[in-house]
Amino acid sequence: MPDATTLDTTAAADLAALADLTAEEARVFVTTMTQVAAGEAPESSLSLALLALSQILVTGARLGAVEDVIPAERFEPDDGPDADLSGLRGGLANVFEGLDEYADLVDPVTSAEVTTGAISNDIAIVAAALDHGLRHYTAGKRIEALWWWQFSYLSDWGERAAMGLRVLQGLLAHIRLDADDDLVAEAEFDALHP
């Protein structure tokens, strides 16, 4: 039977591995969404955002599935000002112009109150939380970073990512399934009669 020291060492190694994986996924998300916001692939913007949000939600689910991460210090050290992501938010609003805003519930568990949301804002909130954790991670504070990512996933960015994903999936479904009946009939005819 393993002793407590072995269990502590194994648990610490598991948390370190989770922190490394989360940092990598956070970097990929922020990079991908920065490229989308810059308009680098306008024809794939919806698809890239859908994939990025889906992947980061898998990362978030891992964070939600583990026990609460408790940092050694009971306060979060000040690592300086948060990154200014207004450019990301603005770029995404331009990319998703006309599609950005949607109807949202304030809290689907406790209230039926309707409000509005924006895909660009959802993605910027996720990116800001991930970037904040990355600053702790880069400073060598893996557990602090993991705590931040877990806390902010449960309190904020997980919900925003899920809502943004839902809206993007709905948009793609409308784009692909709400086709003009005449165009669909012509395409079917052309496919059957080459």
N, C-alpha and C. Protein backbone atom coordinates (compact mmCIF):
# COMPACT_ATOMS: atom_id res chain seq x y z
N MET A 1 0.85 -1.19 0.00
CA MET A 1 0.00 0.00 0.00
C MET A 1 0.89 1.25 0.00
N PRO A 2 0.61 2.21 -0.93
CA PRO A 2 1.46 3.41 -0.97
C PRO A 2 1.27 4.28 0.26
N ASP A 3 2.35 4.92 0.68
CA ASP A 3 2.24 5.80 1.84
C ASP A 3 1.77 7.19 1.42
N ALA A 4 1.52 8.05 2.39
CA ALA A 4 0.99 9.39 2.13
C ALA A 4 1.95 10.22 1.29
N THR A 5 3.26 10.02 1.49
CA THR A 5 4.25 10.77 0.72
C THR A 5 4.15 10.43 -0.76
N THR A 6 4.00 9.13 -1.05
CA THR A 6 3.86 8.69 -2.44
C THR A 6 2.59 9.27 -3.06
N LEU A 7 1.50 9.24 -2.30
CA LEU A 7 0.24 9.80 -2.80
C LEU A 7 0.37 11.30 -3.05
N ASP A 8 1.03 12.02 -2.12
CA ASP A 8 1.22 13.46 -2.29
C ASP A 8 2.07 13.74 -3.53
N THR A 9 3.13 12.95 -3.72
CA THR A 9 4.00 13.13 -4.88
C THR A 9 3.25 12.85 -6.17
N THR A 10 2.44 11.79 -6.17
CA THR A 10 1.63 11.45 -7.35
C THR A 10 0.60 12.54 -7.63
N ALA A 11 -0.06 13.02 -6.59
CA ALA A 11 -1.06 14.07 -6.76
C ALA A 11 -0.41 15.35 -7.29
N ALA A 12 0.76 15.69 -6.77
CA ALA A 12 1.46 16.89 -7.23
C ALA A 12 1.88 16.74 -8.69
N ALA A 13 2.34 15.54 -9.06
CA ALA A 13 2.72 15.30 -10.46
C ALA A 13 1.51 15.38 -11.38
N ASP A 14 0.38 14.86 -10.92
CA ASP A 14 -0.85 14.93 -11.72
C ASP A 14 -1.30 16.38 -11.91
N LEU A 15 -1.22 17.18 -10.84
CA LEU A 15 -1.59 18.60 -10.96
C LEU A 15 -0.64 19.35 -11.87
N ALA A 16 0.64 19.03 -11.78
CA ALA A 16 1.63 19.68 -12.65
C ALA A 16 1.34 19.34 -14.11
N ALA A 17 1.02 18.08 -14.37
CA ALA A 17 0.70 17.67 -15.75
C ALA A 17 -0.57 18.37 -16.23
N LEU A 18 -1.56 18.50 -15.36
CA LEU A 18 -2.79 19.20 -15.72
C LEU A 18 -2.51 20.68 -16.00
N ALA A 19 -1.65 21.28 -15.21
CA ALA A 19 -1.28 22.68 -15.43
C ALA A 19 -0.58 22.85 -16.77
N ASP A 20 0.34 21.93 -17.09
CA ASP A 20 1.05 22.00 -18.38
C ASP A 20 0.08 21.87 -19.55
N LEU A 21 -0.83 20.91 -19.46
CA LEU A 21 -1.81 20.69 -20.52
C LEU A 21 -2.74 21.91 -20.66
N THR A 22 -3.19 22.44 -19.54
CA THR A 22 -4.08 23.60 -19.57
C THR A 22 -3.37 24.81 -20.15
N ALA A 23 -2.11 25.00 -19.81
CA ALA A 23 -1.34 26.13 -20.36
C ALA A 23 -1.23 26.01 -21.87
N GLU A 24 -0.95 24.82 -22.35
CA GLU A 24 -0.84 24.62 -23.80
C GLU A 24 -2.17 24.90 -24.50
N GLU A 25 -3.25 24.39 -23.94
CA GLU A 25 -4.58 24.61 -24.54
C GLU A 25 -4.96 26.10 -24.46
N ALA A 26 -4.60 26.76 -23.38
CA ALA A 26 -4.89 28.19 -23.24
C ALA A 26 -4.15 28.99 -24.31
N ARG A 27 -2.88 28.65 -24.53
CA ARG A 27 -2.09 29.35 -25.57
C ARG A 27 -2.71 29.14 -26.95
N VAL A 28 -3.10 27.92 -27.24
CA VAL A 28 -3.70 27.62 -28.54
C VAL A 28 -5.00 28.41 -28.72
N PHE A 29 -5.82 28.46 -27.68
CA PHE A 29 -7.07 29.21 -27.77
C PHE A 29 -6.82 30.69 -28.03
N VAL A 30 -5.95 31.29 -27.23
CA VAL A 30 -5.69 32.73 -27.38
C VAL A 30 -5.09 33.02 -28.75
N THR A 31 -4.17 32.19 -29.21
CA THR A 31 -3.56 32.39 -30.53
C THR A 31 -4.59 32.26 -31.64
N THR A 32 -5.39 31.21 -31.58
CA THR A 32 -6.41 30.99 -32.62
C THR A 32 -7.39 32.14 -32.67
N MET A 33 -7.88 32.57 -31.51
CA MET A 33 -8.88 33.63 -31.51
C MET A 33 -8.27 34.98 -31.90
N THR A 34 -6.99 35.18 -31.62
CA THR A 34 -6.30 36.40 -32.08
C THR A 34 -6.22 36.40 -33.60
N GLN A 35 -5.93 35.25 -34.19
CA GLN A 35 -5.87 35.15 -35.65
C GLN A 35 -7.25 35.36 -36.27
N VAL A 36 -8.28 34.79 -35.66
CA VAL A 36 -9.65 35.01 -36.16
C VAL A 36 -10.00 36.49 -36.08
N ALA A 37 -9.71 37.12 -34.95
CA ALA A 37 -10.02 38.55 -34.77
C ALA A 37 -9.28 39.43 -35.75
N ALA A 38 -8.10 39.00 -36.17
CA ALA A 38 -7.31 39.76 -37.14
C ALA A 38 -7.83 39.58 -38.56
N GLY A 39 -8.79 38.69 -38.74
CA GLY A 39 -9.37 38.47 -40.06
C GLY A 39 -8.49 37.63 -40.96
N GLU A 40 -7.62 36.80 -40.38
CA GLU A 40 -6.68 36.00 -41.18
C GLU A 40 -7.36 34.91 -42.01
N ALA A 41 -8.53 34.45 -41.58
CA ALA A 41 -9.24 33.39 -42.32
C ALA A 41 -10.74 33.67 -42.27
N PRO A 42 -11.19 34.73 -42.97
CA PRO A 42 -12.59 35.13 -42.84
C PRO A 42 -13.59 34.04 -43.23
N GLU A 43 -13.24 33.22 -44.22
CA GLU A 43 -14.17 32.18 -44.66
C GLU A 43 -14.29 31.04 -43.64
N SER A 44 -13.35 30.95 -42.71
CA SER A 44 -13.38 29.88 -41.70
C SER A 44 -13.59 30.40 -40.29
N SER A 45 -13.93 31.65 -40.12
CA SER A 45 -14.02 32.25 -38.79
C SER A 45 -14.98 31.52 -37.86
N LEU A 46 -16.18 31.24 -38.35
CA LEU A 46 -17.16 30.55 -37.50
C LEU A 46 -16.65 29.16 -37.13
N SER A 47 -16.11 28.44 -38.10
CA SER A 47 -15.64 27.08 -37.83
C SER A 47 -14.46 27.07 -36.87
N LEU A 48 -13.50 27.99 -37.06
CA LEU A 48 -12.35 28.05 -36.16
C LEU A 48 -12.77 28.42 -34.74
N ALA A 49 -13.69 29.37 -34.62
CA ALA A 49 -14.17 29.76 -33.29
C ALA A 49 -14.92 28.59 -32.64
N LEU A 50 -15.71 27.87 -33.41
CA LEU A 50 -16.43 26.70 -32.90
C LEU A 50 -15.44 25.65 -32.38
N LEU A 51 -14.42 25.35 -33.16
CA LEU A 51 -13.41 24.36 -32.75
C LEU A 51 -12.64 24.82 -31.51
N ALA A 52 -12.24 26.09 -31.49
CA ALA A 52 -11.47 26.60 -30.36
C ALA A 52 -12.28 26.58 -29.07
N LEU A 53 -13.55 27.01 -29.15
CA LEU A 53 -14.39 26.98 -27.95
C LEU A 53 -14.66 25.55 -27.50
N SER A 54 -14.88 24.65 -28.46
CA SER A 54 -15.11 23.25 -28.10
C SER A 54 -13.91 22.68 -27.36
N GLN A 55 -12.73 22.93 -27.89
CA GLN A 55 -11.51 22.39 -27.29
C GLN A 55 -11.26 22.97 -25.91
N ILE A 56 -11.47 24.27 -25.75
CA ILE A 56 -11.19 24.87 -24.44
C ILE A 56 -12.23 24.43 -23.43
N LEU A 57 -13.43 24.08 -23.89
CA LEU A 57 -14.42 23.54 -22.95
C LEU A 57 -14.05 22.14 -22.49
N VAL A 58 -13.37 21.36 -23.32
CA VAL A 58 -12.84 20.07 -22.87
C VAL A 58 -11.81 20.32 -21.77
N THR A 59 -10.95 21.30 -21.99
CA THR A 59 -9.95 21.66 -20.99
C THR A 59 -10.63 22.10 -19.70
N GLY A 60 -11.66 22.93 -19.83
CA GLY A 60 -12.40 23.37 -18.65
C GLY A 60 -13.08 22.23 -17.92
N ALA A 61 -13.62 21.27 -18.68
CA ALA A 61 -14.26 20.12 -18.05
C ALA A 61 -13.28 19.34 -17.19
N ARG A 62 -12.03 19.23 -17.66
CA ARG A 62 -11.00 18.58 -16.84
C ARG A 62 -10.82 19.33 -15.52
N LEU A 63 -10.79 20.66 -15.61
CA LEU A 63 -10.62 21.48 -14.41
C LEU A 63 -11.80 21.32 -13.46
N GLY A 64 -12.99 21.24 -14.01
CA GLY A 64 -14.18 21.07 -13.18
C GLY A 64 -14.28 19.68 -12.57
N ALA A 65 -13.67 18.70 -13.21
CA ALA A 65 -13.78 17.32 -12.75
C ALA A 65 -12.83 16.99 -11.60
N VAL A 66 -11.76 17.75 -11.45
CA VAL A 66 -10.82 17.46 -10.35
C VAL A 66 -11.25 18.19 -9.09
N GLU A 67 -10.75 17.69 -7.96
CA GLU A 67 -11.05 18.36 -6.70
C GLU A 67 -10.53 19.79 -6.73
N ASP A 68 -11.05 20.62 -5.85
CA ASP A 68 -10.62 22.02 -5.80
C ASP A 68 -9.11 22.11 -5.62
N VAL A 69 -8.51 22.92 -6.46
CA VAL A 69 -7.07 23.19 -6.36
C VAL A 69 -6.91 24.32 -5.34
N ILE A 70 -6.07 24.09 -4.36
CA ILE A 70 -5.86 25.09 -3.31
C ILE A 70 -4.39 25.52 -3.35
N PRO A 71 -4.14 26.80 -3.67
CA PRO A 71 -2.75 27.26 -3.68
C PRO A 71 -2.20 27.38 -2.26
N ALA A 72 -0.89 27.36 -2.15
CA ALA A 72 -0.25 27.45 -0.83
C ALA A 72 -0.55 28.79 -0.18
N GLU A 73 -0.53 29.86 -0.97
CA GLU A 73 -0.86 31.19 -0.46
C GLU A 73 -2.36 31.40 -0.54
N ARG A 74 -2.94 32.07 0.43
CA ARG A 74 -4.38 32.30 0.44
C ARG A 74 -4.76 33.63 -0.21
N PHE A 75 -3.86 34.18 -0.98
CA PHE A 75 -4.16 35.39 -1.73
C PHE A 75 -3.49 35.27 -3.08
N GLU A 76 -4.03 35.98 -4.04
CA GLU A 76 -3.45 35.96 -5.38
C GLU A 76 -2.45 37.10 -5.50
N PRO A 77 -1.19 36.77 -5.79
CA PRO A 77 -0.20 37.85 -5.94
C PRO A 77 -0.53 38.71 -7.15
N ASP A 78 -0.20 39.98 -7.05
CA ASP A 78 -0.45 40.90 -8.16
C ASP A 78 0.64 40.74 -9.20
N ASP A 79 0.24 40.26 -10.37
CA ASP A 79 1.20 40.09 -11.46
C ASP A 79 1.13 41.25 -12.45
N GLY A 80 0.60 42.37 -12.00
CA GLY A 80 0.50 43.54 -12.87
C GLY A 80 -0.86 43.60 -13.54
N PRO A 81 -1.05 44.58 -14.38
CA PRO A 81 -2.36 44.75 -15.01
C PRO A 81 -2.67 43.60 -15.98
N ASP A 82 -3.96 43.30 -16.07
CA ASP A 82 -4.39 42.27 -17.02
C ASP A 82 -4.16 42.77 -18.44
N ALA A 83 -4.03 41.82 -19.34
CA ALA A 83 -3.83 42.17 -20.75
C ALA A 83 -5.04 42.93 -21.27
N ASP A 84 -4.80 43.90 -22.12
CA ASP A 84 -5.88 44.66 -22.74
C ASP A 84 -6.38 43.86 -23.95
N LEU A 85 -7.56 43.32 -23.81
CA LEU A 85 -8.12 42.49 -24.88
C LEU A 85 -9.23 43.21 -25.65
N SER A 86 -9.27 44.54 -25.53
CA SER A 86 -10.30 45.29 -26.26
C SER A 86 -10.09 45.15 -27.77
N GLY A 87 -8.85 45.03 -28.21
CA GLY A 87 -8.58 44.82 -29.64
C GLY A 87 -9.12 43.48 -30.11
N LEU A 88 -8.96 42.45 -29.30
CA LEU A 88 -9.50 41.14 -29.62
C LEU A 88 -11.02 41.21 -29.70
N ARG A 89 -11.63 41.82 -28.70
CA ARG A 89 -13.09 41.95 -28.66
C ARG A 89 -13.58 42.72 -29.88
N GLY A 90 -12.94 43.83 -30.19
CA GLY A 90 -13.34 44.65 -31.34
C GLY A 90 -13.15 43.93 -32.66
N GLY A 91 -12.02 43.23 -32.79
CA GLY A 91 -11.76 42.49 -34.02
C GLY A 91 -12.79 41.39 -34.23
N LEU A 92 -13.13 40.69 -33.15
CA LEU A 92 -14.15 39.64 -33.26
C LEU A 92 -15.52 40.23 -33.57
N ALA A 93 -15.84 41.37 -32.98
CA ALA A 93 -17.11 42.02 -33.29
C ALA A 93 -17.18 42.37 -34.78
N ASN A 94 -16.06 42.80 -35.36
CA ASN A 94 -16.03 43.09 -36.80
C ASN A 94 -16.19 41.82 -37.63
N VAL A 95 -15.48 40.75 -37.23
CA VAL A 95 -15.56 39.49 -37.96
C VAL A 95 -16.98 38.93 -37.93
N PHE A 96 -17.63 39.03 -36.77
CA PHE A 96 -18.97 38.47 -36.60
C PHE A 96 -20.06 39.53 -36.77
N GLU A 97 -19.75 40.61 -37.45
CA GLU A 97 -20.73 41.70 -37.62
C GLU A 97 -22.04 41.16 -38.18
N GLY A 98 -23.13 41.55 -37.52
CA GLY A 98 -24.46 41.11 -37.93
C GLY A 98 -24.85 39.77 -37.31
N LEU A 99 -23.89 39.07 -36.74
CA LEU A 99 -24.15 37.76 -36.13
C LEU A 99 -23.77 37.75 -34.65
N ASP A 100 -23.14 38.79 -34.19
CA ASP A 100 -22.48 38.81 -32.88
C ASP A 100 -23.45 38.72 -31.71
N GLU A 101 -24.52 39.49 -31.73
CA GLU A 101 -25.42 39.56 -30.58
C GLU A 101 -26.45 38.45 -30.60
N TYR A 102 -26.84 38.02 -29.41
CA TYR A 102 -27.83 36.96 -29.28
C TYR A 102 -28.61 37.14 -27.97
N ALA A 103 -29.74 36.45 -27.87
CA ALA A 103 -30.52 36.44 -26.63
C ALA A 103 -29.89 35.44 -25.67
N ASP A 104 -29.85 35.80 -24.40
CA ASP A 104 -29.20 34.97 -23.39
C ASP A 104 -30.05 35.01 -22.12
N LEU A 105 -29.89 34.00 -21.28
CA LEU A 105 -30.52 33.99 -19.97
C LEU A 105 -29.51 34.45 -18.94
N VAL A 106 -29.98 35.24 -17.97
CA VAL A 106 -29.09 35.73 -16.92
C VAL A 106 -28.48 34.54 -16.18
N ASP A 107 -29.31 33.58 -15.77
CA ASP A 107 -28.84 32.35 -15.12
C ASP A 107 -29.90 31.29 -15.38
N PRO A 108 -29.62 30.33 -16.27
CA PRO A 108 -30.63 29.35 -16.64
C PRO A 108 -31.07 28.45 -15.48
N VAL A 109 -30.32 28.42 -14.39
CA VAL A 109 -30.68 27.59 -13.25
C VAL A 109 -31.62 28.32 -12.29
N THR A 110 -31.38 29.61 -12.10
CA THR A 110 -32.13 30.34 -11.07
C THR A 110 -33.10 31.39 -11.60
N SER A 111 -33.06 31.68 -12.91
CA SER A 111 -33.87 32.78 -13.42
C SER A 111 -34.21 32.57 -14.89
N ALA A 112 -35.39 33.02 -15.28
CA ALA A 112 -35.77 32.98 -16.68
C ALA A 112 -35.61 34.36 -17.32
N GLU A 113 -34.94 35.28 -16.61
CA GLU A 113 -34.74 36.64 -17.11
C GLU A 113 -33.85 36.61 -18.36
N VAL A 114 -34.34 37.27 -19.41
CA VAL A 114 -33.61 37.30 -20.68
C VAL A 114 -32.77 38.57 -20.77
N THR A 115 -31.58 38.40 -21.29
CA THR A 115 -30.67 39.53 -21.53
C THR A 115 -30.06 39.32 -22.91
N THR A 116 -29.08 40.10 -23.26
CA THR A 116 -28.39 39.89 -24.53
C THR A 116 -26.95 39.53 -24.27
N GLY A 117 -26.36 38.83 -25.21
CA GLY A 117 -24.96 38.47 -25.14
C GLY A 117 -24.31 38.76 -26.47
N ALA A 118 -23.01 38.58 -26.55
CA ALA A 118 -22.27 38.78 -27.79
C ALA A 118 -21.15 37.75 -27.85
N ILE A 119 -21.03 37.09 -28.99
CA ILE A 119 -19.98 36.09 -29.17
C ILE A 119 -18.61 36.73 -28.92
N SER A 120 -18.41 37.93 -29.44
CA SER A 120 -17.11 38.60 -29.27
C SER A 120 -16.79 38.82 -27.80
N ASN A 121 -17.78 39.18 -27.01
CA ASN A 121 -17.57 39.39 -25.58
C ASN A 121 -17.29 38.07 -24.88
N ASP A 122 -18.04 37.02 -25.24
CA ASP A 122 -17.83 35.71 -24.63
C ASP A 122 -16.39 35.24 -24.85
N ILE A 123 -15.93 35.33 -26.09
CA ILE A 123 -14.58 34.87 -26.41
C ILE A 123 -13.53 35.72 -25.70
N ALA A 124 -13.75 37.03 -25.62
CA ALA A 124 -12.80 37.91 -24.94
C ALA A 124 -12.74 37.58 -23.44
N ILE A 125 -13.87 37.26 -22.82
CA ILE A 125 -13.88 36.88 -21.40
C ILE A 125 -13.06 35.61 -21.19
N VAL A 126 -13.27 34.62 -22.06
CA VAL A 126 -12.52 33.37 -21.97
C VAL A 126 -11.03 33.65 -22.15
N ALA A 127 -10.68 34.41 -23.17
CA ALA A 127 -9.27 34.71 -23.45
C ALA A 127 -8.63 35.46 -22.28
N ALA A 128 -9.35 36.40 -21.68
CA ALA A 128 -8.80 37.16 -20.55
C ALA A 128 -8.50 36.25 -19.36
N ALA A 129 -9.42 35.35 -19.05
CA ALA A 129 -9.21 34.44 -17.92
C ALA A 129 -8.05 33.49 -18.19
N LEU A 130 -7.99 32.98 -19.40
CA LEU A 130 -6.90 32.06 -19.75
C LEU A 130 -5.56 32.79 -19.72
N ASP A 131 -5.53 34.00 -20.25
CA ASP A 131 -4.31 34.79 -20.26
C ASP A 131 -3.84 35.10 -18.84
N HIS A 132 -4.78 35.42 -17.95
CA HIS A 132 -4.44 35.71 -16.56
C HIS A 132 -3.75 34.50 -15.93
N GLY A 133 -4.30 33.32 -16.15
CA GLY A 133 -3.68 32.10 -15.65
C GLY A 133 -2.31 31.84 -16.27
N LEU A 134 -2.20 32.16 -17.57
CA LEU A 134 -0.92 31.97 -18.25
C LEU A 134 0.18 32.83 -17.64
N ARG A 135 -0.17 34.01 -17.15
CA ARG A 135 0.84 34.87 -16.52
C ARG A 135 1.37 34.23 -15.24
N HIS A 136 0.48 33.60 -14.46
CA HIS A 136 0.93 32.87 -13.27
C HIS A 136 1.81 31.69 -13.69
N TYR A 137 1.36 30.97 -14.71
CA TYR A 137 2.08 29.79 -15.18
C TYR A 137 3.48 30.17 -15.67
N THR A 138 3.55 31.22 -16.46
CA THR A 138 4.84 31.67 -17.01
C THR A 138 5.78 32.12 -15.90
N ALA A 139 5.21 32.64 -14.82
CA ALA A 139 6.03 33.06 -13.67
C ALA A 139 6.46 31.86 -12.82
N GLY A 140 6.12 30.65 -13.25
CA GLY A 140 6.52 29.45 -12.52
C GLY A 140 5.57 29.04 -11.41
N LYS A 141 4.40 29.66 -11.35
CA LYS A 141 3.42 29.36 -10.30
C LYS A 141 2.32 28.46 -10.86
N ARG A 142 2.67 27.19 -11.08
CA ARG A 142 1.74 26.25 -11.72
C ARG A 142 0.44 26.07 -10.93
N ILE A 143 0.56 25.88 -9.63
CA ILE A 143 -0.64 25.64 -8.81
C ILE A 143 -1.50 26.89 -8.76
N GLU A 144 -0.88 28.04 -8.67
CA GLU A 144 -1.63 29.31 -8.69
C GLU A 144 -2.38 29.44 -10.02
N ALA A 145 -1.70 29.11 -11.13
CA ALA A 145 -2.34 29.17 -12.44
C ALA A 145 -3.50 28.19 -12.52
N LEU A 146 -3.28 26.98 -12.04
CA LEU A 146 -4.32 25.97 -12.08
C LEU A 146 -5.51 26.37 -11.23
N TRP A 147 -5.22 26.93 -10.04
CA TRP A 147 -6.30 27.42 -9.20
C TRP A 147 -7.10 28.49 -9.95
N TRP A 148 -6.43 29.44 -10.57
CA TRP A 148 -7.11 30.52 -11.28
C TRP A 148 -7.97 29.97 -12.42
N TRP A 149 -7.38 29.09 -13.23
CA TRP A 149 -8.14 28.54 -14.35
C TRP A 149 -9.37 27.78 -13.86
N GLN A 150 -9.23 27.01 -12.79
CA GLN A 150 -10.35 26.25 -12.27
C GLN A 150 -11.42 27.18 -11.70
N PHE A 151 -11.00 28.11 -10.85
CA PHE A 151 -11.94 29.05 -10.24
C PHE A 151 -12.68 29.86 -11.31
N SER A 152 -11.94 30.41 -12.26
CA SER A 152 -12.58 31.26 -13.27
C SER A 152 -13.42 30.44 -14.25
N TYR A 153 -13.05 29.17 -14.48
CA TYR A 153 -13.89 28.30 -15.31
C TYR A 153 -15.25 28.11 -14.64
N LEU A 154 -15.23 27.80 -13.36
CA LEU A 154 -16.48 27.54 -12.65
C LEU A 154 -17.30 28.81 -12.43
N SER A 155 -16.63 29.94 -12.26
CA SER A 155 -17.35 31.17 -11.94
C SER A 155 -17.70 32.02 -13.15
N ASP A 156 -17.02 31.84 -14.29
CA ASP A 156 -17.26 32.78 -15.38
C ASP A 156 -17.01 32.21 -16.78
N TRP A 157 -15.77 31.88 -17.10
CA TRP A 157 -15.46 31.61 -18.50
C TRP A 157 -16.07 30.31 -19.01
N GLY A 158 -16.32 29.36 -18.14
CA GLY A 158 -16.95 28.12 -18.61
C GLY A 158 -18.33 28.38 -19.17
N GLU A 159 -19.10 29.18 -18.46
CA GLU A 159 -20.45 29.53 -18.92
C GLU A 159 -20.40 30.36 -20.20
N ARG A 160 -19.48 31.32 -20.27
CA ARG A 160 -19.37 32.15 -21.47
C ARG A 160 -18.92 31.31 -22.67
N ALA A 161 -18.00 30.40 -22.46
CA ALA A 161 -17.54 29.55 -23.56
C ALA A 161 -18.68 28.64 -24.03
N ALA A 162 -19.43 28.09 -23.10
CA ALA A 162 -20.54 27.21 -23.45
C ALA A 162 -21.61 27.97 -24.22
N MET A 163 -21.91 29.18 -23.79
CA MET A 163 -22.93 29.97 -24.49
C MET A 163 -22.44 30.38 -25.87
N GLY A 164 -21.19 30.82 -25.95
CA GLY A 164 -20.63 31.17 -27.26
C GLY A 164 -20.63 29.99 -28.20
N LEU A 165 -20.28 28.82 -27.69
CA LEU A 165 -20.30 27.60 -28.50
C LEU A 165 -21.71 27.29 -28.98
N ARG A 166 -22.68 27.40 -28.09
CA ARG A 166 -24.07 27.12 -28.47
C ARG A 166 -24.53 28.04 -29.60
N VAL A 167 -24.20 29.31 -29.48
CA VAL A 167 -24.60 30.28 -30.50
C VAL A 167 -23.89 30.00 -31.82
N LEU A 168 -22.59 29.74 -31.76
CA LEU A 168 -21.85 29.45 -33.00
C LEU A 168 -22.37 28.19 -33.68
N GLN A 169 -22.68 27.16 -32.90
CA GLN A 169 -23.23 25.94 -33.48
C GLN A 169 -24.58 26.23 -34.12
N GLY A 170 -25.39 27.05 -33.47
CA GLY A 170 -26.68 27.44 -34.03
C GLY A 170 -26.53 28.22 -35.33
N LEU A 171 -25.56 29.13 -35.35
CA LEU A 171 -25.31 29.90 -36.57
C LEU A 171 -24.89 28.99 -37.73
N LEU A 172 -23.95 28.09 -37.45
CA LEU A 172 -23.52 27.17 -38.50
C LEU A 172 -24.67 26.28 -38.98
N ALA A 173 -25.51 25.84 -38.05
CA ALA A 173 -26.66 25.02 -38.44
C ALA A 173 -27.59 25.81 -39.36
N HIS A 174 -27.87 27.06 -39.02
CA HIS A 174 -28.73 27.89 -39.87
C HIS A 174 -28.11 28.13 -41.23
N ILE A 175 -26.83 28.42 -41.24
CA ILE A 175 -26.15 28.69 -42.51
C ILE A 175 -26.21 27.46 -43.42
N ARG A 176 -25.98 26.31 -42.85
CA ARG A 176 -25.89 25.11 -43.68
C ARG A 176 -27.23 24.44 -43.94
N LEU A 177 -28.20 24.61 -43.04
CA LEU A 177 -29.47 23.89 -43.19
C LEU A 177 -30.62 24.74 -43.71
N ASP A 178 -30.51 26.05 -43.58
CA ASP A 178 -31.59 26.93 -44.02
C ASP A 178 -31.38 27.36 -45.46
N ALA A 179 -31.05 26.42 -46.31
CA ALA A 179 -30.77 26.73 -47.71
C ALA A 179 -32.08 26.93 -48.48
N ASP A 180 -31.98 27.70 -49.53
CA ASP A 180 -33.12 27.95 -50.42
C ASP A 180 -33.52 26.63 -51.08
N ASP A 181 -34.82 26.29 -51.04
CA ASP A 181 -35.32 25.03 -51.58
C ASP A 181 -35.00 24.87 -53.07
N ASP A 182 -35.10 25.95 -53.84
CA ASP A 182 -34.80 25.86 -55.27
C ASP A 182 -33.33 25.54 -55.52
N LEU A 183 -32.43 26.19 -54.73
CA LEU A 183 -31.01 25.90 -54.88
C LEU A 183 -30.68 24.46 -54.51
N VAL A 184 -31.33 23.95 -53.47
CA VAL A 184 -31.11 22.56 -53.06
C VAL A 184 -31.59 21.61 -54.15
N ALA A 185 -32.76 21.89 -54.73
CA ALA A 185 -33.31 21.03 -55.79
C ALA A 185 -32.39 21.04 -57.01
N GLU A 186 -31.88 22.23 -57.37
CA GLU A 186 -30.95 22.32 -58.51
C GLU A 186 -29.67 21.54 -58.23
N ALA A 187 -29.14 21.65 -57.02
CA ALA A 187 -27.91 20.94 -56.67
C ALA A 187 -28.15 19.43 -56.70
N GLU A 188 -29.30 18.99 -56.21
CA GLU A 188 -29.62 17.56 -56.25
C GLU A 188 -29.75 17.09 -57.69
N PHE A 189 -30.42 17.87 -58.51
CA PHE A 189 -30.58 17.48 -59.92
C PHE A 189 -29.22 17.39 -60.61
N ASP A 190 -28.37 18.42 -60.38
CA ASP A 190 -27.04 18.41 -60.99
C ASP A 190 -26.20 17.24 -60.50
N ALA A 191 -26.35 16.86 -59.24
CA ALA A 191 -25.58 15.74 -58.70
C ALA A 191 -26.04 14.42 -59.30
N LEU A 192 -27.34 14.30 -59.56
CA LEU A 192 -27.87 13.05 -60.10
C LEU A 192 -27.77 12.95 -61.61
N HIS A 193 -27.61 14.09 -62.30
CA HIS A 193 -27.55 14.10 -63.76
C HIS A 193 -26.31 14.86 -64.24
N PRO A 194 -25.14 14.23 -64.11
CA PRO A 194 -23.90 14.94 -64.47
C PRO A 194 -23.79 15.18 -65.98
